[in-house]
Amino acid sequence: MRARLQETGQPGTVLELWFARILRDAFALTAAGDYCTFAEVAASALVSVIKGAGTDRDLDGILAGFRELQPHADAERCVRHGTRAFARSP
């Protein structure tokens, strides 16, 4: 993800700020009882961090990098557990 940011002229250090904004916004939405997809939260956070620099194509290219990331080893187990728990919810 850092390389994708740098390819669009952003400093590599933007990655940490962007990730922190994604977490902050996701937590705030959850606390408020609201919902947005991860893609929506990540895109909004990215726009706020780069402050208008870059084109829509740049943003799409950066965000597309999420599809190339390898999941953590325990992610599949967690997703399966969450899916089963959600299916049991009234």
Protein backbone atom coordinates (compact mmCIF):
# COMPACT_ATOMS: atom_id res chain seq x y z
CA MET A 1 0.00 0.00 0.00
CA ARG A 2 2.88 2.34 0.77
CA ALA A 3 4.26 1.87 -2.75
CA ARG A 4 0.86 2.68 -4.26
CA LEU A 5 0.72 5.91 -2.28
CA GLN A 6 4.23 6.83 -3.36
CA GLU A 7 3.44 6.08 -7.01
CA THR A 8 0.86 8.88 -6.87
CA GLY A 9 3.30 11.34 -5.32
CA GLN A 10 2.29 10.89 -1.70
CA PRO A 11 4.95 10.46 0.96
CA GLY A 12 5.16 6.91 2.29
CA THR A 13 4.46 8.17 5.79
CA VAL A 14 0.86 8.88 4.77
CA LEU A 15 0.11 5.16 5.16
CA GLU A 16 0.15 5.25 8.97
CA LEU A 17 -2.05 8.34 9.12
CA TRP A 18 -4.47 6.82 6.62
CA PHE A 19 -4.71 3.59 8.58
CA ALA A 20 -5.30 5.52 11.82
CA ARG A 21 -8.10 7.50 10.12
CA ILE A 22 -9.72 4.30 8.84
CA LEU A 23 -9.77 2.89 12.37
CA ARG A 24 -10.97 6.15 13.92
CA ASP A 25 -13.80 6.54 11.44
CA ALA A 26 -14.86 2.91 11.67
CA PHE A 27 -14.95 3.08 15.48
CA ALA A 28 -16.92 6.33 15.38
CA LEU A 29 -19.48 4.90 12.96
CA THR A 30 -19.90 1.82 15.13
CA ALA A 31 -20.27 3.90 18.30
CA ALA A 32 -22.89 6.05 16.57
CA GLY A 33 -24.79 2.96 15.46
CA ASP A 34 -24.15 3.71 11.80
CA TYR A 35 -22.60 1.60 9.07
CA CYS A 36 -20.47 2.10 5.99
CA THR A 37 -18.56 -0.52 4.05
CA PHE A 38 -14.84 -0.84 4.55
CA ALA A 39 -14.34 0.50 1.03
CA GLU A 40 -16.39 3.62 1.84
CA VAL A 41 -14.52 4.26 5.08
CA ALA A 42 -11.11 3.68 3.47
CA ALA A 43 -11.91 5.95 0.52
CA SER A 44 -13.19 8.75 2.73
CA ALA A 45 -10.17 8.51 5.02
CA LEU A 46 -7.82 8.54 2.04
CA VAL A 47 -9.42 11.65 0.60
CA SER A 48 -9.12 13.42 3.95
CA VAL A 49 -5.47 12.45 4.36
CA ILE A 50 -4.24 13.45 0.92
CA LYS A 51 -6.33 16.64 0.97
CA GLY A 52 -7.32 16.76 -2.68
CA ALA A 53 -3.99 15.68 -4.14
CA GLY A 54 -4.28 13.04 -6.80
CA THR A 55 -6.91 12.19 -9.36
CA ASP A 56 -9.85 9.82 -9.08
CA ARG A 57 -7.74 7.34 -11.01
CA ASP A 58 -4.96 7.70 -8.41
CA LEU A 59 -7.41 7.08 -5.59
CA ASP A 60 -8.87 4.03 -7.33
CA GLY A 61 -5.37 2.66 -7.89
CA ILE A 62 -4.42 3.10 -4.26
CA LEU A 63 -7.64 1.54 -2.98
CA ALA A 64 -7.32 -1.37 -5.42
CA GLY A 65 -4.23 -2.39 -3.50
CA PHE A 66 -6.42 -3.83 -0.76
CA ARG A 67 -7.39 -6.63 -3.15
CA GLU A 68 -3.76 -7.65 -3.42
CA LEU A 69 -2.99 -7.83 0.30
CA GLN A 70 -2.51 -11.21 1.91
CA PRO A 71 -4.81 -11.78 4.90
CA HIS A 72 -3.41 -12.49 8.33
CA ALA A 73 -3.26 -16.19 9.14
CA ASP A 74 -6.17 -16.00 11.59
CA ALA A 75 -8.42 -13.86 9.40
CA GLU A 76 -10.32 -16.73 7.78
CA ARG A 77 -11.17 -18.24 11.16
CA CYS A 78 -12.38 -14.86 12.45
CA VAL A 79 -14.50 -14.16 9.38
CA ARG A 80 -16.08 -17.60 9.56
CA HIS A 81 -16.84 -17.13 13.25
CA GLY A 82 -18.33 -13.70 12.62
CA THR A 83 -20.42 -15.00 9.74
CA ARG A 84 -21.83 -17.85 11.86
CA ALA A 85 -22.55 -15.46 14.74
CA PHE A 86 -24.32 -13.03 12.39
CA ALA A 87 -26.40 -15.83 10.88
CA ARG A 88 -27.64 -16.79 14.36
CA SER A 89 -28.66 -13.23 15.25
CA PRO A 90 -32.40 -12.56 15.46
